[in-house]
Amino acid sequence: MTGSRVRALLLAHWQEFLLLLLMGPLALYFALSNSTSESLPLLPLPESQVLQLEQITLQDYQKDFKRWTLTGLRALMADDSSIMNVEQPRLRLHPNPETIPFTDTLVRADEALIDWRRQLVEIRGEVEVERDSKLYLQAERAIYDLQTEVLRMPGAVQMTWQDSDVDGSDLRYELKTGLVELRGVHYQR
């Protein structure tokens, strides 16, 4: 294509080219921001900028009531970050004794990322949830919202409840009410 043909094409379709030039970076921004909001990646940092803790225990209280406890083998947190990486986490969710007669809910996994700014705990890698020895959940990922006290398990979930095995997806468990919602339920027995 010669230079004059290119100029003629640009002049004939200048609005479309301008729209592409303006919308391209905007579309790229939204695509990247949506893909990074799914998980909370930690970037490798020099050791001088990382706080390393061994055998950690974190507890959250509301008045005299202990809401949750998180223990882990090791935790890493950058000096200027609001995200903490915890290895072999055990998250114990304590229901309010005044409102719910349930016992604690225990969440175990390979890794947890705590985002203090967004008040979320993302738990990954063979996530297991147990309550009252009656409810048992298994998934690859779980997200616990520290403010609303809701545990979500996006994706495939296996559940054992009152001696029944159930498969489903996108579980939502409200700790305050004890309500468990599961989509696409399929009973195995």
N, C-alpha and C. Protein backbone atom coordinates (compact mmCIF):
# COMPACT_ATOMS: atom_id res chain seq x y z
N MET A 1 0.84 -1.16 0.00
CA MET A 1 0.00 0.00 0.00
C MET A 1 0.90 1.23 0.00
N THR A 2 0.61 2.16 -0.85
CA THR A 2 1.44 3.36 -0.96
C THR A 2 1.05 4.36 0.11
N GLY A 3 1.89 5.37 0.28
CA GLY A 3 1.66 6.40 1.29
C GLY A 3 0.38 7.18 1.05
N SER A 4 0.07 7.46 -0.22
CA SER A 4 -1.15 8.24 -0.50
C SER A 4 -2.41 7.42 -0.18
N ARG A 5 -2.35 6.11 -0.40
CA ARG A 5 -3.50 5.27 -0.08
C ARG A 5 -3.71 5.18 1.44
N VAL A 6 -2.60 5.11 2.17
CA VAL A 6 -2.69 5.06 3.63
C VAL A 6 -3.30 6.34 4.15
N ARG A 7 -2.84 7.50 3.63
CA ARG A 7 -3.39 8.79 4.05
C ARG A 7 -4.88 8.88 3.72
N ALA A 8 -5.27 8.41 2.54
CA ALA A 8 -6.68 8.45 2.15
C ALA A 8 -7.52 7.55 3.08
N LEU A 9 -6.98 6.38 3.42
CA LEU A 9 -7.68 5.48 4.33
C LEU A 9 -7.83 6.12 5.72
N LEU A 10 -6.76 6.75 6.20
CA LEU A 10 -6.82 7.42 7.51
C LEU A 10 -7.81 8.58 7.50
N LEU A 11 -7.82 9.35 6.41
CA LEU A 11 -8.76 10.47 6.33
C LEU A 11 -10.20 9.99 6.26
N ALA A 12 -10.44 8.89 5.56
CA ALA A 12 -11.80 8.38 5.41
C ALA A 12 -12.31 7.76 6.72
N HIS A 13 -11.41 7.20 7.51
CA HIS A 13 -11.81 6.49 8.73
C HIS A 13 -11.13 7.06 9.97
N TRP A 14 -10.92 8.35 10.02
CA TRP A 14 -10.21 8.96 11.13
C TRP A 14 -10.97 8.83 12.45
N GLN A 15 -12.28 8.81 12.42
CA GLN A 15 -13.05 8.69 13.66
C GLN A 15 -12.89 7.30 14.29
N GLU A 16 -12.90 6.28 13.44
CA GLU A 16 -12.73 4.93 13.96
C GLU A 16 -11.34 4.74 14.55
N PHE A 17 -10.30 5.27 13.88
CA PHE A 17 -8.94 5.16 14.39
C PHE A 17 -8.78 5.91 15.71
N LEU A 18 -9.37 7.08 15.80
CA LEU A 18 -9.31 7.86 17.03
C LEU A 18 -10.01 7.12 18.17
N LEU A 19 -11.15 6.51 17.88
CA LEU A 19 -11.87 5.75 18.88
C LEU A 19 -11.05 4.56 19.36
N LEU A 20 -10.40 3.86 18.43
CA LEU A 20 -9.55 2.73 18.81
C LEU A 20 -8.37 3.18 19.66
N LEU A 21 -7.77 4.30 19.31
CA LEU A 21 -6.64 4.81 20.08
C LEU A 21 -7.05 5.20 21.50
N LEU A 22 -8.24 5.73 21.65
CA LEU A 22 -8.71 6.14 22.97
C LEU A 22 -9.22 4.97 23.80
N MET A 23 -9.93 4.05 23.17
CA MET A 23 -10.55 2.95 23.90
C MET A 23 -9.58 1.80 24.19
N GLY A 24 -8.55 1.63 23.39
CA GLY A 24 -7.59 0.54 23.58
C GLY A 24 -6.94 0.56 24.96
N PRO A 25 -6.30 1.67 25.36
CA PRO A 25 -5.69 1.70 26.70
C PRO A 25 -6.72 1.55 27.83
N LEU A 26 -7.90 2.10 27.62
CA LEU A 26 -8.95 1.99 28.63
C LEU A 26 -9.39 0.53 28.79
N ALA A 27 -9.56 -0.17 27.69
CA ALA A 27 -9.94 -1.59 27.74
C ALA A 27 -8.83 -2.42 28.39
N LEU A 28 -7.58 -2.11 28.09
CA LEU A 28 -6.46 -2.82 28.69
C LEU A 28 -6.43 -2.60 30.20
N TYR A 29 -6.67 -1.36 30.63
CA TYR A 29 -6.71 -1.06 32.06
C TYR A 29 -7.77 -1.90 32.78
N PHE A 30 -8.99 -1.94 32.23
CA PHE A 30 -10.06 -2.70 32.88
C PHE A 30 -9.79 -4.19 32.85
N ALA A 31 -9.20 -4.69 31.77
CA ALA A 31 -8.90 -6.12 31.70
C ALA A 31 -7.86 -6.49 32.75
N LEU A 32 -6.83 -5.67 32.92
CA LEU A 32 -5.81 -5.97 33.91
C LEU A 32 -6.32 -5.78 35.33
N SER A 33 -7.13 -4.79 35.56
CA SER A 33 -7.64 -4.56 36.92
C SER A 33 -8.60 -5.67 37.33
N ASN A 34 -9.39 -6.21 36.42
CA ASN A 34 -10.30 -7.30 36.75
C ASN A 34 -9.55 -8.59 37.01
N SER A 35 -8.49 -8.85 36.27
CA SER A 35 -7.76 -10.09 36.46
C SER A 35 -6.97 -10.07 37.76
N THR A 36 -6.51 -8.90 38.21
CA THR A 36 -5.75 -8.85 39.45
C THR A 36 -6.64 -8.79 40.67
N SER A 37 -7.91 -8.43 40.52
CA SER A 37 -8.78 -8.38 41.68
C SER A 37 -9.22 -9.78 42.13
N GLU A 38 -9.12 -10.78 41.27
CA GLU A 38 -9.50 -12.14 41.62
C GLU A 38 -8.58 -12.70 42.70
N SER A 39 -7.29 -12.51 42.56
CA SER A 39 -6.35 -13.02 43.54
C SER A 39 -5.49 -11.88 44.05
N LEU A 40 -4.81 -12.14 45.12
CA LEU A 40 -4.00 -11.12 45.75
C LEU A 40 -2.52 -11.51 45.63
N PRO A 41 -1.88 -11.19 44.49
CA PRO A 41 -0.51 -11.65 44.30
C PRO A 41 0.47 -10.88 45.17
N LEU A 42 1.47 -11.58 45.67
CA LEU A 42 2.56 -10.94 46.40
C LEU A 42 3.79 -10.95 45.52
N LEU A 43 4.44 -9.81 45.43
CA LEU A 43 5.64 -9.71 44.62
C LEU A 43 6.86 -10.04 45.47
N PRO A 44 7.86 -10.71 44.89
CA PRO A 44 9.07 -10.98 45.66
C PRO A 44 9.78 -9.67 45.99
N LEU A 45 10.19 -9.52 47.23
CA LEU A 45 10.84 -8.30 47.69
C LEU A 45 12.17 -8.64 48.34
N PRO A 46 13.09 -7.70 48.40
CA PRO A 46 14.34 -7.94 49.13
C PRO A 46 14.03 -8.23 50.60
N GLU A 47 14.83 -9.10 51.24
CA GLU A 47 14.55 -9.51 52.61
C GLU A 47 14.55 -8.35 53.59
N SER A 48 15.28 -7.29 53.29
CA SER A 48 15.32 -6.15 54.20
C SER A 48 13.98 -5.42 54.28
N GLN A 49 13.12 -5.61 53.27
CA GLN A 49 11.83 -4.94 53.24
C GLN A 49 10.68 -5.86 53.65
N VAL A 50 10.98 -7.05 54.13
CA VAL A 50 9.95 -8.03 54.46
C VAL A 50 10.01 -8.37 55.95
N LEU A 51 8.85 -8.33 56.58
CA LEU A 51 8.73 -8.74 57.97
C LEU A 51 8.41 -10.23 57.96
N GLN A 52 9.27 -11.04 58.61
CA GLN A 52 9.08 -12.49 58.66
C GLN A 52 8.74 -12.91 60.08
N LEU A 53 7.64 -13.62 60.23
CA LEU A 53 7.19 -14.07 61.54
C LEU A 53 7.06 -15.59 61.54
N GLU A 54 7.35 -16.21 62.67
CA GLU A 54 7.24 -17.67 62.82
C GLU A 54 6.16 -17.97 63.87
N GLN A 55 5.43 -19.07 63.68
CA GLN A 55 4.42 -19.53 64.63
C GLN A 55 3.50 -18.39 65.07
N ILE A 56 2.74 -17.85 64.13
CA ILE A 56 1.92 -16.67 64.41
C ILE A 56 0.53 -17.03 64.94
N THR A 57 -0.03 -16.13 65.71
CA THR A 57 -1.42 -16.20 66.15
C THR A 57 -2.00 -14.80 66.07
N LEU A 58 -3.07 -14.64 65.30
CA LEU A 58 -3.78 -13.37 65.19
C LEU A 58 -5.18 -13.58 65.72
N GLN A 59 -5.66 -12.62 66.51
CA GLN A 59 -7.02 -12.72 67.05
C GLN A 59 -7.74 -11.40 66.85
N ASP A 60 -9.03 -11.47 66.56
CA ASP A 60 -9.84 -10.28 66.37
C ASP A 60 -10.98 -10.30 67.38
N TYR A 61 -11.11 -9.20 68.09
CA TYR A 61 -12.16 -9.08 69.10
C TYR A 61 -13.13 -7.97 68.73
N GLN A 62 -14.37 -8.14 69.12
CA GLN A 62 -15.38 -7.10 69.02
C GLN A 62 -16.02 -7.02 70.40
N LYS A 63 -15.70 -5.94 71.12
CA LYS A 63 -16.06 -5.80 72.55
C LYS A 63 -15.38 -6.95 73.29
N ASP A 64 -16.11 -7.78 74.02
CA ASP A 64 -15.51 -8.89 74.76
C ASP A 64 -15.60 -10.21 74.00
N PHE A 65 -16.06 -10.15 72.79
CA PHE A 65 -16.33 -11.35 72.00
C PHE A 65 -15.22 -11.57 70.96
N LYS A 66 -14.59 -12.75 70.99
CA LYS A 66 -13.55 -13.09 70.03
C LYS A 66 -14.21 -13.55 68.74
N ARG A 67 -13.97 -12.81 67.63
CA ARG A 67 -14.63 -13.13 66.35
C ARG A 67 -13.90 -14.21 65.58
N TRP A 68 -12.57 -14.12 65.49
CA TRP A 68 -11.82 -15.12 64.75
C TRP A 68 -10.40 -15.19 65.27
N THR A 69 -9.75 -16.35 65.01
CA THR A 69 -8.36 -16.57 65.37
C THR A 69 -7.68 -17.21 64.17
N LEU A 70 -6.51 -16.71 63.80
CA LEU A 70 -5.74 -17.30 62.70
C LEU A 70 -4.36 -17.67 63.22
N THR A 71 -3.98 -18.93 63.04
CA THR A 71 -2.64 -19.38 63.39
C THR A 71 -1.96 -19.87 62.13
N GLY A 72 -0.63 -19.85 62.12
CA GLY A 72 0.11 -20.30 60.96
C GLY A 72 1.56 -20.58 61.30
N LEU A 73 2.22 -21.35 60.43
CA LEU A 73 3.63 -21.68 60.65
C LEU A 73 4.53 -20.47 60.45
N ARG A 74 4.27 -19.73 59.38
CA ARG A 74 5.14 -18.61 59.00
C ARG A 74 4.30 -17.55 58.31
N ALA A 75 4.69 -16.29 58.50
CA ALA A 75 3.99 -15.20 57.83
C ALA A 75 5.02 -14.22 57.27
N LEU A 76 4.72 -13.68 56.10
CA LEU A 76 5.56 -12.68 55.44
C LEU A 76 4.71 -11.47 55.12
N MET A 77 5.28 -10.29 55.38
CA MET A 77 4.57 -9.06 55.07
C MET A 77 5.59 -7.99 54.71
N ALA A 78 5.37 -7.33 53.57
CA ALA A 78 6.26 -6.25 53.15
C ALA A 78 6.04 -5.04 54.06
N ASP A 79 7.10 -4.25 54.27
CA ASP A 79 7.02 -3.06 55.13
C ASP A 79 5.92 -2.11 54.71
N ASP A 80 5.77 -1.91 53.41
CA ASP A 80 4.83 -0.91 52.91
C ASP A 80 3.55 -1.52 52.34
N SER A 81 3.25 -2.75 52.72
CA SER A 81 2.10 -3.45 52.15
C SER A 81 1.01 -3.66 53.20
N SER A 82 -0.20 -3.87 52.72
CA SER A 82 -1.30 -4.21 53.62
C SER A 82 -1.67 -5.69 53.48
N ILE A 83 -0.82 -6.46 52.79
CA ILE A 83 -1.11 -7.88 52.54
C ILE A 83 -0.11 -8.75 53.28
N MET A 84 -0.61 -9.74 53.99
CA MET A 84 0.23 -10.68 54.73
C MET A 84 0.01 -12.08 54.16
N ASN A 85 1.10 -12.80 53.90
CA ASN A 85 1.05 -14.16 53.39
C ASN A 85 1.32 -15.11 54.56
N VAL A 86 0.41 -16.05 54.80
CA VAL A 86 0.53 -16.98 55.93
C VAL A 86 0.58 -18.40 55.38
N GLU A 87 1.60 -19.17 55.81
CA GLU A 87 1.74 -20.57 55.40
C GLU A 87 1.03 -21.48 56.41
N GLN A 88 0.39 -22.52 55.90
CA GLN A 88 -0.34 -23.52 56.70
C GLN A 88 -1.29 -22.84 57.70
N PRO A 89 -2.22 -22.02 57.19
CA PRO A 89 -3.12 -21.31 58.10
C PRO A 89 -4.22 -22.20 58.66
N ARG A 90 -4.64 -21.86 59.86
CA ARG A 90 -5.82 -22.46 60.51
C ARG A 90 -6.64 -21.28 60.99
N LEU A 91 -7.75 -21.05 60.32
CA LEU A 91 -8.63 -19.93 60.65
C LEU A 91 -9.82 -20.48 61.43
N ARG A 92 -9.96 -20.05 62.67
CA ARG A 92 -11.06 -20.49 63.52
C ARG A 92 -12.04 -19.34 63.63
N LEU A 93 -13.28 -19.56 63.13
CA LEU A 93 -14.32 -18.54 63.14
C LEU A 93 -15.23 -18.81 64.34
N HIS A 94 -15.32 -17.83 65.22
CA HIS A 94 -16.10 -17.98 66.45
C HIS A 94 -17.45 -17.31 66.29
N PRO A 95 -18.55 -18.04 66.39
CA PRO A 95 -19.87 -17.40 66.30
C PRO A 95 -20.16 -16.63 67.58
N ASN A 96 -21.03 -15.66 67.47
CA ASN A 96 -21.43 -14.86 68.62
C ASN A 96 -22.25 -15.75 69.56
N PRO A 97 -21.81 -15.94 70.80
CA PRO A 97 -22.52 -16.85 71.70
C PRO A 97 -23.94 -16.39 72.05
N GLU A 98 -24.23 -15.11 71.88
CA GLU A 98 -25.56 -14.59 72.20
C GLU A 98 -26.59 -14.90 71.12
N THR A 99 -26.13 -15.09 69.86
CA THR A 99 -27.09 -15.22 68.77
C THR A 99 -27.16 -16.60 68.16
N ILE A 100 -26.07 -17.35 68.17
CA ILE A 100 -26.05 -18.63 67.45
C ILE A 100 -25.55 -19.74 68.37
N PRO A 101 -26.23 -20.88 68.40
CA PRO A 101 -25.79 -21.98 69.26
C PRO A 101 -24.70 -22.84 68.63
N PHE A 102 -24.16 -22.47 67.47
CA PHE A 102 -23.16 -23.28 66.78
C PHE A 102 -21.81 -23.20 67.49
N THR A 103 -20.99 -24.21 67.24
CA THR A 103 -19.62 -24.18 67.72
C THR A 103 -18.75 -23.50 66.67
N ASP A 104 -17.45 -23.42 66.96
CA ASP A 104 -16.52 -22.77 66.05
C ASP A 104 -16.48 -23.48 64.70
N THR A 105 -16.15 -22.71 63.67
CA THR A 105 -15.92 -23.24 62.33
C THR A 105 -14.43 -23.17 62.08
N LEU A 106 -13.82 -24.27 61.67
CA LEU A 106 -12.39 -24.34 61.44
C LEU A 106 -12.11 -24.41 59.94
N VAL A 107 -11.21 -23.55 59.45
CA VAL A 107 -10.81 -23.51 58.04
C VAL A 107 -9.32 -23.80 57.98
N ARG A 108 -8.93 -24.83 57.22
CA ARG A 108 -7.51 -25.20 57.05
C ARG A 108 -7.16 -25.14 55.57
N ALA A 109 -5.89 -24.80 55.28
CA ALA A 109 -5.45 -24.74 53.88
C ALA A 109 -3.92 -24.71 53.84
N ASP A 110 -3.39 -24.55 52.61
CA ASP A 110 -1.95 -24.46 52.42
C ASP A 110 -1.43 -23.04 52.60
N GLU A 111 -2.24 -22.05 52.20
CA GLU A 111 -1.77 -20.67 52.20
C GLU A 111 -2.95 -19.72 52.40
N ALA A 112 -2.68 -18.61 53.07
CA ALA A 112 -3.69 -17.56 53.23
C ALA A 112 -3.05 -16.22 52.94
N LEU A 113 -3.79 -15.36 52.27
CA LEU A 113 -3.37 -13.98 52.03
C LEU A 113 -4.38 -13.08 52.73
N ILE A 114 -3.89 -12.29 53.66
CA ILE A 114 -4.76 -11.38 54.40
C ILE A 114 -4.55 -9.98 53.84
N ASP A 115 -5.61 -9.39 53.34
CA ASP A 115 -5.57 -8.01 52.85
C ASP A 115 -6.23 -7.14 53.91
N TRP A 116 -5.41 -6.46 54.71
CA TRP A 116 -5.93 -5.67 55.82
C TRP A 116 -6.72 -4.47 55.33
N ARG A 117 -6.35 -3.91 54.20
CA ARG A 117 -7.05 -2.74 53.67
C ARG A 117 -8.48 -3.10 53.25
N ARG A 118 -8.62 -4.22 52.52
CA ARG A 118 -9.95 -4.64 52.05
C ARG A 118 -10.69 -5.53 53.04
N GLN A 119 -10.02 -5.89 54.14
CA GLN A 119 -10.62 -6.72 55.19
C GLN A 119 -11.06 -8.08 54.64
N LEU A 120 -10.17 -8.72 53.85
CA LEU A 120 -10.45 -10.03 53.27
C LEU A 120 -9.33 -11.00 53.59
N VAL A 121 -9.69 -12.27 53.77
CA VAL A 121 -8.71 -13.34 53.90
C VAL A 121 -8.98 -14.30 52.75
N GLU A 122 -8.00 -14.45 51.85
CA GLU A 122 -8.12 -15.42 50.76
C GLU A 122 -7.33 -16.66 51.15
N ILE A 123 -7.99 -17.81 51.16
CA ILE A 123 -7.41 -19.07 51.59
C ILE A 123 -7.32 -19.97 50.36
N ARG A 124 -6.11 -20.53 50.11
CA ARG A 124 -5.92 -21.28 48.87
C ARG A 124 -5.22 -22.61 49.11
N GLY A 125 -5.50 -23.53 48.20
CA GLY A 125 -4.82 -24.82 48.19
C GLY A 125 -5.44 -25.83 49.14
N GLU A 126 -6.26 -26.73 48.65
CA GLU A 126 -6.92 -27.77 49.45
C GLU A 126 -7.56 -27.20 50.71
N VAL A 127 -8.53 -26.35 50.51
CA VAL A 127 -9.24 -25.71 51.62
C VAL A 127 -10.23 -26.70 52.23
N GLU A 128 -10.18 -26.86 53.54
CA GLU A 128 -11.11 -27.72 54.27
C GLU A 128 -11.79 -26.90 55.35
N VAL A 129 -13.11 -27.05 55.45
CA VAL A 129 -13.90 -26.33 56.45
C VAL A 129 -14.69 -27.36 57.25
N GLU A 130 -14.65 -27.24 58.58
CA GLU A 130 -15.39 -28.16 59.46
C GLU A 130 -16.17 -27.38 60.50
N ARG A 131 -17.40 -27.84 60.78
CA ARG A 131 -18.21 -27.26 61.86
C ARG A 131 -19.02 -28.37 62.51
N ASP A 132 -18.96 -28.45 63.83
CA ASP A 132 -19.79 -29.38 64.62
C ASP A 132 -19.60 -30.85 64.25
N SER A 133 -18.59 -31.22 63.54
CA SER A 133 -18.42 -32.59 63.04
C SER A 133 -19.59 -33.03 62.19
N LYS A 134 -20.45 -32.09 61.77
CA LYS A 134 -21.60 -32.41 60.92
C LYS A 134 -21.46 -31.80 59.54
N LEU A 135 -20.76 -30.68 59.45
CA LEU A 135 -20.58 -29.99 58.17
C LEU A 135 -19.11 -30.03 57.80
N TYR A 136 -18.81 -30.55 56.60
CA TYR A 136 -17.44 -30.63 56.11
C TYR A 136 -17.46 -30.15 54.66
N LEU A 137 -16.61 -29.17 54.34
CA LEU A 137 -16.52 -28.60 52.99
C LEU A 137 -15.10 -28.74 52.47
N GLN A 138 -14.99 -28.93 51.15
CA GLN A 138 -13.69 -29.00 50.49
C GLN A 138 -13.74 -28.21 49.20
N ALA A 139 -12.70 -27.39 48.96
CA ALA A 139 -12.59 -26.61 47.72
C ALA A 139 -11.13 -26.21 47.54
N GLU A 140 -10.85 -25.56 46.43
CA GLU A 140 -9.49 -25.09 46.16
C GLU A 140 -9.24 -23.68 46.69
N ARG A 141 -10.33 -22.94 46.95
CA ARG A 141 -10.17 -21.54 47.33
C ARG A 141 -11.36 -21.09 48.16
N ALA A 142 -11.09 -20.23 49.13
CA ALA A 142 -12.16 -19.63 49.93
C ALA A 142 -11.78 -18.19 50.24
N ILE A 143 -12.78 -17.35 50.41
CA ILE A 143 -12.56 -15.95 50.75
C ILE A 143 -13.45 -15.62 51.94
N TYR A 144 -12.81 -15.16 53.02
CA TYR A 144 -13.57 -14.78 54.22
C TYR A 144 -13.54 -13.26 54.35
N ASP A 145 -14.72 -12.66 54.41
CA ASP A 145 -14.86 -11.21 54.57
C ASP A 145 -14.91 -10.93 56.07
N LEU A 146 -13.90 -10.23 56.57
CA LEU A 146 -13.80 -9.98 58.00
C LEU A 146 -14.89 -9.05 58.52
N GLN A 147 -15.40 -8.17 57.66
CA GLN A 147 -16.42 -7.22 58.10
C GLN A 147 -17.81 -7.85 58.14
N THR A 148 -18.19 -8.53 57.06
CA THR A 148 -19.55 -9.10 56.98
C THR A 148 -19.64 -10.50 57.58
N GLU A 149 -18.49 -11.11 57.89
CA GLU A 149 -18.43 -12.46 58.44
C GLU A 149 -19.09 -13.47 57.51
N VAL A 150 -18.75 -13.37 56.22
CA VAL A 150 -19.27 -14.29 55.20
C VAL A 150 -18.09 -15.02 54.58
N LEU A 151 -18.19 -16.35 54.51
CA LEU A 151 -17.19 -17.19 53.85
C LEU A 151 -17.74 -17.59 52.50
N ARG A 152 -16.99 -17.26 51.42
CA ARG A 152 -17.39 -17.65 50.07
C ARG A 152 -16.37 -18.65 49.55
N MET A 153 -16.85 -19.63 48.80
CA MET A 153 -15.99 -20.61 48.16
C MET A 153 -16.36 -20.65 46.68
N PRO A 154 -15.71 -19.80 45.86
CA PRO A 154 -16.03 -19.80 44.43
C PRO A 154 -15.53 -21.07 43.75
N GLY A 155 -16.28 -21.52 42.76
CA GLY A 155 -15.88 -22.72 42.03
C GLY A 155 -16.48 -23.98 42.64
N ALA A 156 -15.90 -25.12 42.28
CA ALA A 156 -16.42 -26.42 42.71
C ALA A 156 -16.22 -26.62 44.21
N VAL A 157 -17.26 -27.17 44.85
CA VAL A 157 -17.25 -27.41 46.30
C VAL A 157 -17.82 -28.80 46.56
N GLN A 158 -17.14 -29.55 47.42
CA GLN A 158 -17.67 -30.83 47.89
C GLN A 158 -18.10 -30.64 49.34
N MET A 159 -19.28 -31.15 49.68
CA MET A 159 -19.81 -30.93 51.01
C MET A 159 -20.35 -32.24 51.58
N THR A 160 -20.04 -32.49 52.83
CA THR A 160 -20.64 -33.58 53.58
C THR A 160 -21.43 -32.94 54.70
N TRP A 161 -22.73 -33.21 54.73
CA TRP A 161 -23.60 -32.61 55.73
C TRP A 161 -24.59 -33.65 56.20
N GLN A 162 -24.59 -33.93 57.50
CA GLN A 162 -25.48 -34.92 58.10
C GLN A 162 -25.46 -36.24 57.32
N ASP A 163 -24.27 -36.76 57.10
CA ASP A 163 -24.03 -38.04 56.43
C ASP A 163 -24.47 -38.08 54.97
N SER A 164 -24.63 -36.92 54.33
CA SER A 164 -24.96 -36.86 52.89
C SER A 164 -23.81 -36.17 52.17
N ASP A 165 -23.39 -36.75 51.04
CA ASP A 165 -22.35 -36.15 50.22
C ASP A 165 -22.99 -35.35 49.11
N VAL A 166 -22.56 -34.11 48.95
CA VAL A 166 -23.15 -33.19 48.00
C VAL A 166 -22.04 -32.49 47.22
N ASP A 167 -22.24 -32.34 45.91
CA ASP A 167 -21.35 -31.53 45.07
C ASP A 167 -22.11 -30.29 44.66
N GLY A 168 -21.39 -29.21 44.47
CA GLY A 168 -22.02 -27.97 44.02
C GLY A 168 -20.95 -26.94 43.69
N SER A 169 -21.37 -25.71 43.59
CA SER A 169 -20.42 -24.64 43.29
C SER A 169 -20.85 -23.35 43.97
N ASP A 170 -19.90 -22.45 44.08
CA ASP A 170 -20.13 -21.09 44.58
C ASP A 170 -20.87 -21.07 45.91
N LEU A 171 -20.23 -21.63 46.91
CA LEU A 171 -20.82 -21.69 48.24
C LEU A 171 -20.73 -20.33 48.94
N ARG A 172 -21.74 -20.02 49.74
CA ARG A 172 -21.76 -18.81 50.56
C ARG A 172 -22.25 -19.22 51.94
N TYR A 173 -21.44 -18.93 52.97
CA TYR A 173 -21.76 -19.33 54.34
C TYR A 173 -21.73 -18.09 55.22
N GLU A 174 -22.89 -17.73 55.76
CA GLU A 174 -23.00 -16.57 56.66
C GLU A 174 -22.81 -17.06 58.09
N LEU A 175 -21.72 -16.62 58.70
CA LEU A 175 -21.42 -17.08 60.05
C LEU A 175 -22.44 -16.56 61.06
N LYS A 176 -22.93 -15.35 60.88
CA LYS A 176 -23.88 -14.76 61.84
C LYS A 176 -25.17 -15.55 61.95
N THR A 177 -25.66 -16.06 60.83
CA THR A 177 -26.95 -16.77 60.82
C THR A 177 -26.80 -18.28 60.68
N GLY A 178 -25.62 -18.76 60.26
CA GLY A 178 -25.43 -20.18 60.02
C GLY A 178 -25.97 -20.64 58.69
N LEU A 179 -26.42 -19.70 57.86
CA LEU A 179 -27.02 -20.02 56.55
C LEU A 179 -25.93 -20.44 55.56
N VAL A 180 -26.14 -21.58 54.89
CA VAL A 180 -25.23 -22.08 53.86
C VAL A 180 -25.99 -22.13 52.54
N GLU A 181 -25.47 -21.46 51.52
CA GLU A 181 -26.06 -21.48 50.17
C GLU A 181 -25.07 -22.15 49.23
N LEU A 182 -25.56 -23.07 48.41
CA LEU A 182 -24.72 -23.79 47.45
C LEU A 182 -25.48 -23.90 46.14
N ARG A 183 -24.82 -23.57 45.04
CA ARG A 183 -25.46 -23.63 43.72
C ARG A 183 -25.16 -24.96 43.04
N GLY A 184 -26.03 -25.33 42.11
CA GLY A 184 -25.82 -26.53 41.31
C GLY A 184 -25.67 -27.78 42.16
N VAL A 185 -26.54 -27.96 43.11
CA VAL A 185 -26.43 -29.06 44.07
C VAL A 185 -26.69 -30.40 43.39
N HIS A 186 -25.80 -31.36 43.67
CA HIS A 186 -25.94 -32.72 43.16
C HIS A 186 -25.65 -33.67 44.32
N TYR A 187 -26.65 -34.46 44.73
CA TYR A 187 -26.48 -35.40 45.84
C TYR A 187 -25.83 -36.67 45.33
N GLN A 188 -24.83 -37.17 46.07
CA GLN A 188 -24.14 -38.40 45.67
C GLN A 188 -24.77 -39.62 46.31
N ARG A 189 -25.33 -39.47 47.50
CA ARG A 189 -26.02 -40.61 48.16
C ARG A 189 -27.08 -40.12 49.06
